[in-house]
Amino acid sequence: MSNASPTDDHAWFAESRFGMFVHWGLYSLAARHEWVKNRERLTDEDYQPYFDHFDPDLHDPDEWARLAQAAGMRYLVITTKHHDGFCLWDSAHTDYKVTNTPYGKDLIAPLVKAVRDRGLRIGFYHSLLDWHHPQFPVDGHHPQRDDEDFKAANADRDMTKYTDYLHAQVRELLTGYGRIDYLFFDFSYEGRPDTWNGKGAADWRSEELLAMVRQLQPGILVNDRLDIPGDFVTPEQYQPDAPMRAADGSPVPWEVCQTLNGSWGYDRDNRDDKSPDLLVRMLVDTVAKDGNLLLNVGPTGRGLIDPRAERAFRAVGEWMRLHGRAVYGSGPSEFTAPPDCRYTQRGDRLYLHLFAWPFGHLQLPGLAGRVRYAQFLHDASEIAVQSIDEGQAPDTTRMSAPPAGTLTLRLPVQRPEVAVPVIELFLTL
C-alpha cells in the first residue's frame, strides 16, 4: 500500500499524486530552453533585451489553475526565481524583478490566489543559483565560466553576501503569500565531476535555511536538493525502476519531475512532445511505485500555455476524469502485475492498468479466490472472471491450466477507447 508522508500536514502529498510544474521567466522570450544563458554563454548585456521586453499581457492566472484542475492535478509549483536570477515577485532585495519590466506587476500573488481559489495546493520553486547576482561566485555552471577576463575581474566575489541574499528572499516568499504547501529548492552540485567550484550545503547554509523555512511555514514540504535530507526525493527526467528507498532500505516519499518535450522553459522549435498516452503511462508507472508525478509546462512570453501543451494536459485530464480513483491516494500493491501492466491499489480496490491490449484472456497470478467483482473503470461494465481447474489439459479450443492460484479475466476483442484501459478489481481481504 501507499506510504504516506511523515506527518498529517504532509498526507495531502501522497493523496494528490499529480501536480503541475511551471517554468516561466525571461528565458520564455528567448524560447530556446531555460538554460539558454548558460548554454550560449550569454552575458548580462546579451540577456538584457529579454528583461526590457518582458510583458506577459495575455497572462490569466485562473486559466493556468483551471488547466491544472482539468488535467486532474492537485497542486501547482511555480518558479519564483530560476538560475538566471530574475524574480517573478516584487522582491525588496533586488531590482532584477518583474515589477521593473514593462509588465510592472507581481506575478506570484495573483497565481497563488487563483490556485487556492480552485482548491489546489501551492508550491514555490526557488533556485539556489543566481547567475545575475554580483556576489555569486563563478563556477562551472556560470555563463561566463570560459571568460578568463570576467573571472579575473570577479575573483573576489563573496559567497556569504550572496547567501544572506538567498535567505532574505526565501524569508520574503514564505511570509508574503500566506500558507505555502511545498518548496522545491534547486540545486546543489558540490563535488560533481562535470563542474568546478560547485556549491553545496555549507555554501547555502542549508541547515540554517531549512530551520528558517520550517519556523516560518511549519507544515511545508521541502525537497532534497539543499544537499541535506528533505521530506521527499526528486528524480528528474527518468522513471525509477522501483519504489525509492533510503540508504538503509526504508521507503521514502518521492516525486519525479518530467517535461512534456525535454525543455522546462518555453522552447518554440522543440517538437519532441510526449503523447498523451505516454504521459498517462508515466503517471501510472509512478503511482504504482509509490511516487508522485510533477509534470512541467513552460508558458510563452505573453503568458499563454501553448496549444500543444494545453491539448496534452486536457487529454491526460480526460483520462483522469474517468480513472482518477486509480491514482489519488493509491500506491503499489503486494501482487505482481502481468507483463505490460501495472497495479495500483487503495484499500480493497486493486487497479489493473493495461499498457498493452491482450487477446481474449489475461492471467492474474495469486488472485484466484481473492476477487469478488471486476469491472472496467471507465464505464463500470462487468469483466468476467474465472478460475480454471488445475488439471485442465489443452485441447483444440481450450487453453491449458495456468499456475495454481491464477485468476483468469475474459476480455473483449476491442480495446476500450481510452489512453490506458483500467480494470477495477474488488478484493476479498
Protein backbone atom coordinates (compact mmCIF):
# COMPACT_ATOMS: atom_id res chain seq x y z
CA MET A 1 0.00 0.00 0.00
CA SER A 2 0.95 3.64 -0.31
CA ASN A 3 3.43 5.10 2.15
CA ALA A 4 2.07 8.41 3.41
CA SER A 5 4.32 11.39 4.01
CA PRO A 6 5.71 11.60 7.56
CA THR A 7 3.18 13.95 9.18
CA ASP A 8 -0.53 14.67 8.96
CA ASP A 9 0.35 18.02 7.39
CA HIS A 10 2.01 16.12 4.57
CA ALA A 11 -0.68 13.48 3.97
CA TRP A 12 -2.07 15.54 1.06
CA PHE A 13 1.09 14.82 -0.95
CA ALA A 14 0.61 11.06 -1.25
CA GLU A 15 -3.12 11.55 -1.75
CA SER A 16 -2.63 14.01 -4.63
CA ARG A 17 -0.09 12.05 -6.69
CA PHE A 18 -0.14 14.53 -9.61
CA GLY A 19 0.95 18.15 -9.87
CA MET A 20 1.78 20.88 -12.39
CA PHE A 21 5.27 22.36 -12.58
CA VAL A 22 5.54 25.79 -14.25
CA HIS A 23 8.87 27.16 -15.51
CA TRP A 24 8.44 30.77 -16.51
CA GLY A 25 10.72 33.74 -16.78
CA LEU A 26 12.85 35.85 -19.12
CA TYR A 27 14.01 32.72 -20.96
CA SER A 28 10.44 32.36 -22.26
CA LEU A 29 11.22 35.23 -24.66
CA ALA A 30 14.39 33.54 -25.89
CA ALA A 31 12.15 30.48 -26.41
CA ARG A 32 15.05 28.07 -26.71
CA HIS A 33 15.36 26.34 -23.31
CA GLU A 34 15.51 27.76 -19.79
CA TRP A 35 19.30 27.24 -19.65
CA VAL A 36 19.83 29.43 -22.72
CA LYS A 37 22.01 31.89 -20.77
CA ASN A 38 24.29 29.04 -19.71
CA ARG A 39 24.27 27.14 -22.99
CA GLU A 40 25.05 30.14 -25.15
CA ARG A 41 27.43 31.82 -22.67
CA LEU A 42 25.26 34.95 -22.69
CA THR A 43 26.44 37.95 -20.69
CA ASP A 44 24.09 40.08 -18.62
CA GLU A 45 24.14 42.57 -21.50
CA ASP A 46 23.23 39.84 -24.01
CA TYR A 47 20.34 38.77 -21.76
CA GLN A 48 19.07 42.29 -21.01
CA PRO A 49 16.71 42.56 -24.03
CA TYR A 50 14.54 39.83 -22.51
CA PHE A 51 14.17 41.90 -19.34
CA ASP A 52 13.48 45.04 -21.36
CA HIS A 53 10.68 43.32 -23.33
CA PHE A 54 9.09 41.06 -20.71
CA ASP A 55 5.39 41.90 -20.90
CA PRO A 56 3.08 38.86 -20.48
CA ASP A 57 -0.03 40.85 -21.31
CA LEU A 58 -2.19 37.78 -22.01
CA HIS A 59 -1.42 36.03 -18.77
CA ASP A 60 -4.52 34.83 -16.88
CA PRO A 61 -3.56 33.00 -13.67
CA ASP A 62 -7.03 31.49 -13.35
CA GLU A 63 -6.61 29.87 -16.78
CA TRP A 64 -3.46 28.14 -15.54
CA ALA A 65 -5.16 26.97 -12.37
CA ARG A 66 -8.19 25.84 -14.37
CA LEU A 67 -5.98 23.83 -16.74
CA ALA A 68 -4.16 22.17 -13.84
CA GLN A 69 -7.50 21.23 -12.32
CA ALA A 70 -8.84 19.99 -15.68
CA ALA A 71 -5.73 17.80 -16.04
CA GLY A 72 -6.53 16.14 -12.72
CA MET A 73 -3.65 17.82 -10.87
CA ARG A 74 -3.98 18.61 -7.19
CA TYR A 75 -1.11 21.10 -6.76
CA LEU A 76 0.86 23.66 -8.76
CA VAL A 77 4.52 24.67 -8.35
CA ILE A 78 5.76 27.95 -9.87
CA THR A 79 9.33 29.12 -10.43
CA THR A 80 9.75 32.21 -8.25
CA LYS A 81 13.35 32.58 -9.46
CA HIS A 82 15.36 30.40 -11.83
CA HIS A 83 19.14 30.25 -12.24
CA ASP A 84 19.20 33.49 -14.24
CA GLY A 85 18.26 35.37 -11.06
CA PHE A 86 15.10 37.02 -12.40
CA CYS A 87 12.32 37.25 -9.79
CA LEU A 88 8.64 36.91 -10.58
CA TRP A 89 7.62 38.82 -7.45
CA ASP A 90 8.26 42.33 -6.14
CA SER A 91 11.31 41.48 -4.06
CA ALA A 92 12.67 44.22 -1.79
CA HIS A 93 16.18 42.80 -2.17
CA THR A 94 16.83 43.29 -5.89
CA ASP A 95 15.94 45.43 -8.86
CA TYR A 96 16.07 42.36 -11.12
CA LYS A 97 12.37 41.61 -10.83
CA VAL A 98 9.15 41.61 -12.78
CA THR A 99 7.90 44.90 -11.34
CA ASN A 100 10.75 46.68 -13.15
CA THR A 101 9.89 45.17 -16.54
CA PRO A 102 7.28 46.60 -18.94
CA TYR A 103 4.72 44.31 -17.26
CA GLY A 104 5.31 46.03 -13.95
CA LYS A 105 3.25 43.79 -11.65
CA ASP A 106 3.86 40.96 -9.19
CA LEU A 107 3.10 37.63 -10.88
CA ILE A 108 3.19 35.40 -7.82
CA ALA A 109 0.34 36.85 -5.74
CA PRO A 110 -2.37 36.50 -8.42
CA LEU A 111 -1.29 32.96 -9.23
CA VAL A 112 -1.28 31.92 -5.56
CA LYS A 113 -4.82 33.26 -5.21
CA ALA A 114 -6.04 31.57 -8.40
CA VAL A 115 -4.59 28.23 -7.35
CA ARG A 116 -6.12 28.43 -3.89
CA ASP A 117 -9.48 29.53 -5.31
CA ARG A 118 -9.51 26.28 -7.30
CA GLY A 119 -8.91 24.23 -4.16
CA LEU A 120 -5.39 23.27 -5.20
CA ARG A 121 -2.18 23.32 -3.17
CA ILE A 122 0.52 25.89 -3.99
CA GLY A 123 4.26 25.37 -4.13
CA PHE A 124 7.28 27.53 -4.90
CA TYR A 125 10.38 26.55 -6.85
CA HIS A 126 13.41 28.66 -5.90
CA SER A 127 16.85 28.42 -7.46
CA LEU A 128 19.83 28.34 -5.15
CA LEU A 129 21.98 29.51 -8.07
CA ASP A 130 21.95 33.06 -9.36
CA TRP A 131 23.92 33.94 -12.49
CA HIS A 132 22.93 37.61 -12.25
CA HIS A 133 23.85 38.37 -8.63
CA PRO A 134 27.15 40.29 -8.33
CA GLN A 135 28.33 38.21 -5.35
CA PHE A 136 27.55 34.74 -6.71
CA PRO A 137 30.99 33.16 -7.35
CA VAL A 138 31.69 32.00 -10.89
CA ASP A 139 31.68 28.22 -11.28
CA GLY A 140 31.39 25.52 -13.90
CA HIS A 141 27.70 26.29 -14.50
CA HIS A 142 28.06 30.06 -14.76
CA PRO A 143 27.51 31.54 -18.25
CA GLN A 144 30.91 33.30 -18.05
CA ARG A 145 32.79 30.18 -16.96
CA ASP A 146 35.06 30.35 -20.04
CA ASP A 147 35.68 34.10 -19.93
CA GLU A 148 39.08 34.48 -18.28
CA ASP A 149 38.90 38.27 -18.09
CA PHE A 150 35.48 38.11 -16.43
CA LYS A 151 36.66 35.50 -13.94
CA ALA A 152 39.73 37.54 -13.03
CA ALA A 153 37.70 40.72 -12.57
CA ASN A 154 35.21 38.90 -10.32
CA ALA A 155 37.55 36.69 -8.33
CA ASP A 156 36.73 38.46 -5.06
CA ARG A 157 33.00 37.69 -5.04
CA ASP A 158 31.72 36.96 -1.53
CA MET A 159 29.53 33.87 -1.23
CA THR A 160 28.42 34.82 2.27
CA LYS A 161 26.84 38.01 0.96
CA TYR A 162 25.02 36.06 -1.73
CA THR A 163 23.79 33.50 0.81
CA ASP A 164 22.44 36.30 3.01
CA TYR A 165 20.50 37.45 -0.07
CA LEU A 166 19.25 33.92 -0.72
CA HIS A 167 17.96 33.56 2.84
CA ALA A 168 16.35 37.00 2.76
CA GLN A 169 14.44 36.20 -0.41
CA VAL A 170 13.23 32.84 0.89
CA ARG A 171 12.01 34.59 4.05
CA GLU A 172 10.22 37.13 1.88
CA LEU A 173 8.46 34.43 -0.14
CA LEU A 174 7.39 32.46 2.92
CA THR A 175 5.97 35.47 4.76
CA GLY A 176 4.31 37.39 1.93
CA TYR A 177 1.81 34.93 0.46
CA GLY A 178 0.09 33.09 3.29
CA ARG A 179 0.42 29.35 3.71
CA ILE A 180 2.79 27.72 1.23
CA ASP A 181 2.45 23.95 0.97
CA TYR A 182 5.63 22.97 -0.84
CA LEU A 183 9.14 24.30 -1.53
CA PHE A 184 11.37 22.98 -4.30
CA PHE A 185 14.98 24.18 -3.97
CA ASP A 186 17.23 23.70 -6.99
CA PHE A 187 20.07 22.62 -6.74
CA SER A 188 23.33 21.55 -5.03
CA TYR A 189 26.35 20.40 -7.04
CA GLU A 190 29.39 20.34 -4.79
CA GLY A 191 31.94 17.75 -5.89
CA ARG A 192 30.27 16.90 -9.17
CA PRO A 193 32.85 15.63 -11.66
CA ASP A 194 31.37 17.62 -14.55
CA THR A 195 31.81 21.06 -12.98
CA TRP A 196 34.16 23.11 -10.81
CA ASN A 197 33.71 25.35 -7.77
CA GLY A 198 30.42 23.54 -7.18
CA LYS A 199 28.24 24.57 -4.27
CA GLY A 200 26.51 22.59 -1.54
CA ALA A 201 25.13 22.65 1.98
CA ALA A 202 27.94 24.75 3.51
CA ASP A 203 27.59 27.41 0.81
CA TRP A 204 23.81 27.70 1.14
CA ARG A 205 23.99 27.34 4.96
CA SER A 206 21.38 24.68 4.36
CA GLU A 207 20.72 23.66 7.97
CA GLU A 208 20.07 27.27 8.90
CA LEU A 209 17.96 27.85 5.79
CA LEU A 210 15.83 24.76 6.35
CA ALA A 211 15.30 25.65 10.02
CA MET A 212 14.06 29.09 8.96
CA VAL A 213 11.72 27.56 6.39
CA ARG A 214 10.20 25.23 8.98
CA GLN A 215 9.86 28.03 11.51
CA LEU A 216 8.04 30.26 9.01
CA GLN A 217 5.90 27.51 7.45
CA PRO A 218 5.64 24.59 9.91
CA GLY A 219 3.52 22.39 7.63
CA ILE A 220 5.57 22.85 4.46
CA LEU A 221 7.09 20.04 2.38
CA VAL A 222 10.70 20.65 1.33
CA ASN A 223 12.63 18.66 -1.26
CA ASP A 224 16.09 17.11 -1.03
CA ARG A 225 18.22 19.50 -3.12
CA LEU A 226 19.75 21.54 -0.28
CA ASP A 227 22.40 18.81 0.00
CA ILE A 228 20.80 17.70 3.28
CA PRO A 229 17.82 15.36 3.79
CA GLY A 230 14.38 16.75 2.96
CA ASP A 231 10.83 15.45 3.08
CA PHE A 232 10.95 13.77 -0.33
CA VAL A 233 13.46 12.91 -3.04
CA THR A 234 13.34 14.23 -6.58
CA PRO A 235 14.41 12.07 -9.53
CA GLU A 236 14.32 14.14 -12.71
CA GLN A 237 13.67 13.20 -16.33
CA TYR A 238 13.76 9.44 -15.76
CA GLN A 239 11.36 6.86 -14.35
CA PRO A 240 12.72 4.92 -11.34
CA ASP A 241 12.55 1.17 -11.81
CA ALA A 242 11.15 0.57 -8.31
CA PRO A 243 9.88 2.45 -5.26
CA MET A 244 12.67 4.70 -4.00
CA ARG A 245 14.42 3.87 -0.73
CA ALA A 246 16.82 5.46 1.71
CA ALA A 247 20.35 4.13 2.23
CA ASP A 248 19.06 1.84 5.00
CA GLY A 249 16.48 0.34 2.65
CA SER A 250 13.45 2.08 4.16
CA PRO A 251 10.90 3.57 1.72
CA VAL A 252 10.98 7.33 1.17
CA PRO A 253 8.39 9.69 -0.34
CA TRP A 254 9.43 10.70 -3.82
CA GLU A 255 8.32 12.80 -6.74
CA VAL A 256 9.58 12.57 -10.29
CA CYS A 257 9.58 15.80 -12.29
CA GLN A 258 9.13 15.39 -16.03
CA THR A 259 8.80 17.67 -19.04
CA LEU A 260 6.45 17.50 -21.98
CA ASN A 261 9.28 17.77 -24.51
CA GLY A 262 12.66 17.75 -22.74
CA SER A 263 12.68 21.51 -22.03
CA TRP A 264 11.44 23.12 -18.83
CA GLY A 265 11.04 26.62 -20.21
CA TYR A 266 9.12 27.51 -23.38
CA ASP A 267 11.05 26.08 -26.33
CA ARG A 268 9.32 27.16 -29.52
CA ASP A 269 11.06 24.85 -32.01
CA ASN A 270 11.18 21.75 -29.82
CA ARG A 271 8.65 19.27 -31.22
CA ASP A 272 9.74 16.24 -29.23
CA ASP A 273 6.39 16.05 -27.47
CA LYS A 274 5.35 13.09 -25.38
CA SER A 275 1.99 11.69 -26.45
CA PRO A 276 -0.93 11.79 -24.01
CA ASP A 277 -0.97 8.01 -23.68
CA LEU A 278 2.76 8.05 -22.80
CA LEU A 279 2.12 10.72 -20.18
CA VAL A 280 -0.66 8.61 -18.69
CA ARG A 281 1.60 5.55 -18.62
CA MET A 282 4.29 7.61 -16.86
CA LEU A 283 1.77 8.74 -14.26
CA VAL A 284 0.52 5.20 -13.68
CA ASP A 285 4.06 3.82 -13.51
CA THR A 286 4.95 6.47 -10.92
CA VAL A 287 1.96 5.78 -8.68
CA ALA A 288 2.49 2.01 -8.97
CA LYS A 289 5.95 2.64 -7.46
CA ASP A 290 4.60 4.86 -4.66
CA GLY A 291 5.64 8.19 -6.18
CA ASN A 292 4.18 11.48 -7.39
CA LEU A 293 4.46 12.97 -10.87
CA LEU A 294 5.17 16.69 -11.25
CA LEU A 295 4.55 17.40 -14.93
CA ASN A 296 6.02 20.60 -16.31
CA VAL A 297 4.82 23.24 -18.73
CA GLY A 298 6.71 26.32 -19.97
CA PRO A 299 4.35 29.22 -20.77
CA THR A 300 5.14 31.68 -23.56
CA GLY A 301 6.49 35.18 -23.15
CA ARG A 302 2.96 36.55 -23.39
CA GLY A 303 1.82 34.33 -20.55
CA LEU A 304 -0.04 31.66 -22.50
CA ILE A 305 0.28 27.90 -22.37
CA ASP A 306 0.88 26.93 -25.96
CA PRO A 307 -1.80 24.87 -27.76
CA ARG A 308 0.21 21.64 -27.98
CA ALA A 309 0.85 21.65 -24.24
CA GLU A 310 -2.76 22.52 -23.49
CA ARG A 311 -4.02 19.65 -25.67
CA ALA A 312 -1.71 17.23 -23.86
CA PHE A 313 -2.86 18.37 -20.41
CA ARG A 314 -6.53 18.18 -21.37
CA ALA A 315 -6.10 14.70 -22.85
CA VAL A 316 -4.49 13.48 -19.63
CA GLY A 317 -7.31 15.19 -17.76
CA GLU A 318 -9.95 13.29 -19.72
CA TRP A 319 -8.29 10.02 -18.69
CA MET A 320 -8.07 11.24 -15.09
CA ARG A 321 -11.77 12.20 -15.10
CA LEU A 322 -12.63 8.55 -15.69
CA HIS A 323 -9.78 6.89 -13.83
CA GLY A 324 -8.81 9.26 -11.03
CA ARG A 325 -9.67 6.84 -8.24
CA ALA A 326 -6.95 4.51 -9.54
CA VAL A 327 -4.46 7.34 -8.90
CA TYR A 328 -5.49 9.57 -5.98
CA GLY A 329 -4.33 8.06 -2.72
CA SER A 330 -3.32 4.86 -4.46
CA GLY A 331 0.07 3.22 -4.34
CA PRO A 332 1.88 -0.03 -5.04
CA SER A 333 0.35 -3.46 -4.49
CA GLU A 334 1.74 -6.65 -2.98
CA PHE A 335 0.50 -8.51 -6.05
CA THR A 336 2.66 -8.92 -9.15
CA ALA A 337 1.12 -7.48 -12.29
CA PRO A 338 1.20 -9.40 -15.59
CA PRO A 339 3.64 -8.28 -18.32
CA ASP A 340 2.85 -4.87 -19.89
CA CYS A 341 0.60 -3.98 -16.95
CA ARG A 342 0.82 -2.06 -13.69
CA TYR A 343 -1.10 -2.42 -10.45
CA THR A 344 -2.13 0.42 -8.18
CA GLN A 345 -4.10 -0.26 -5.03
CA ARG A 346 -6.16 1.60 -2.46
CA GLY A 347 -7.71 -0.48 0.29
CA ASP A 348 -9.74 -3.33 -1.20
CA ARG A 349 -9.64 -1.84 -4.72
CA LEU A 350 -6.92 -3.20 -6.97
CA TYR A 351 -6.48 -1.38 -10.28
CA LEU A 352 -5.05 -3.20 -13.27
CA HIS A 353 -3.65 -0.76 -15.86
CA LEU A 354 -3.20 -2.40 -19.27
CA PHE A 355 -0.32 -0.80 -21.20
CA ALA A 356 -0.78 -3.37 -24.00
CA TRP A 357 -4.07 -4.98 -25.00
CA PRO A 358 -4.17 -8.81 -24.76
CA PHE A 359 -6.36 -11.08 -26.84
CA GLY A 360 -9.19 -12.88 -25.11
CA HIS A 361 -7.79 -13.67 -21.70
CA LEU A 362 -5.48 -12.23 -19.08
CA GLN A 363 -3.97 -14.31 -16.29
CA LEU A 364 -3.54 -12.72 -12.85
CA PRO A 365 -1.18 -14.68 -10.57
CA GLY A 366 -2.13 -15.05 -6.93
CA LEU A 367 -5.67 -13.68 -7.29
CA ALA A 368 -7.77 -16.84 -7.57
CA GLY A 369 -10.42 -16.65 -4.86
CA ARG A 370 -9.40 -13.09 -3.99
CA VAL A 371 -11.66 -11.10 -6.37
CA ARG A 372 -15.37 -10.74 -5.72
CA TYR A 373 -16.12 -8.47 -8.70
CA ALA A 374 -14.31 -6.93 -11.70
CA GLN A 375 -15.22 -4.07 -14.00
CA PHE A 376 -13.75 -1.60 -16.43
CA LEU A 377 -13.21 1.63 -14.56
CA HIS A 378 -14.09 3.97 -17.44
CA ASP A 379 -17.68 2.72 -17.82
CA ALA A 380 -18.30 0.31 -14.90
CA SER A 381 -19.02 -2.58 -17.30
CA GLU A 382 -18.51 -6.02 -15.85
CA ILE A 383 -15.47 -8.17 -16.67
CA ALA A 384 -16.00 -11.92 -16.49
CA VAL A 385 -13.65 -13.75 -14.14
CA GLN A 386 -12.97 -17.46 -13.92
CA SER A 387 -10.69 -19.91 -12.19
CA ILE A 388 -9.56 -22.73 -14.46
CA ASP A 389 -9.22 -26.21 -12.96
CA GLU A 390 -5.61 -27.03 -12.19
CA GLY A 391 -5.82 -30.28 -14.10
CA GLN A 392 -7.30 -28.87 -17.30
CA ALA A 393 -5.35 -30.07 -20.34
CA PRO A 394 -5.13 -28.07 -23.57
CA ASP A 395 -7.46 -29.03 -26.39
CA THR A 396 -8.25 -27.62 -29.82
CA THR A 397 -10.30 -24.75 -28.44
CA ARG A 398 -9.35 -24.96 -24.76
CA MET A 399 -6.35 -23.46 -23.00
CA SER A 400 -4.21 -25.34 -20.55
CA ALA A 401 -4.50 -24.57 -16.86
CA PRO A 402 -2.39 -21.64 -15.65
CA PRO A 403 -0.26 -21.97 -12.49
CA ALA A 404 -2.13 -22.63 -9.26
CA GLY A 405 -3.71 -19.57 -7.71
CA THR A 406 -4.16 -17.75 -11.02
CA LEU A 407 -7.34 -15.83 -11.82
CA THR A 408 -8.36 -15.54 -15.47
CA LEU A 409 -10.12 -12.49 -16.91
CA ARG A 410 -12.11 -12.75 -20.15
CA LEU A 411 -11.68 -9.55 -22.16
CA PRO A 412 -13.45 -8.19 -25.23
CA VAL A 413 -11.59 -8.21 -28.52
CA GLN A 414 -11.91 -4.45 -28.91
CA ARG A 415 -9.72 -2.30 -26.72
CA PRO A 416 -11.60 0.47 -24.91
CA GLU A 417 -11.06 3.92 -26.42
CA VAL A 418 -9.10 5.37 -23.53
CA ALA A 419 -5.38 6.14 -23.25
CA VAL A 420 -4.79 3.28 -20.80
CA PRO A 421 -7.64 0.85 -20.00
CA VAL A 422 -8.07 0.13 -16.30
CA ILE A 423 -9.85 -2.82 -14.69
CA GLU A 424 -11.07 -2.29 -11.14
CA LEU A 425 -10.86 -5.45 -9.04
CA PHE A 426 -12.82 -5.59 -5.79
CA LEU A 427 -10.81 -7.76 -3.43
CA THR A 428 -11.83 -10.05 -0.63
CA LEU A 429 -9.35 -9.07 2.07
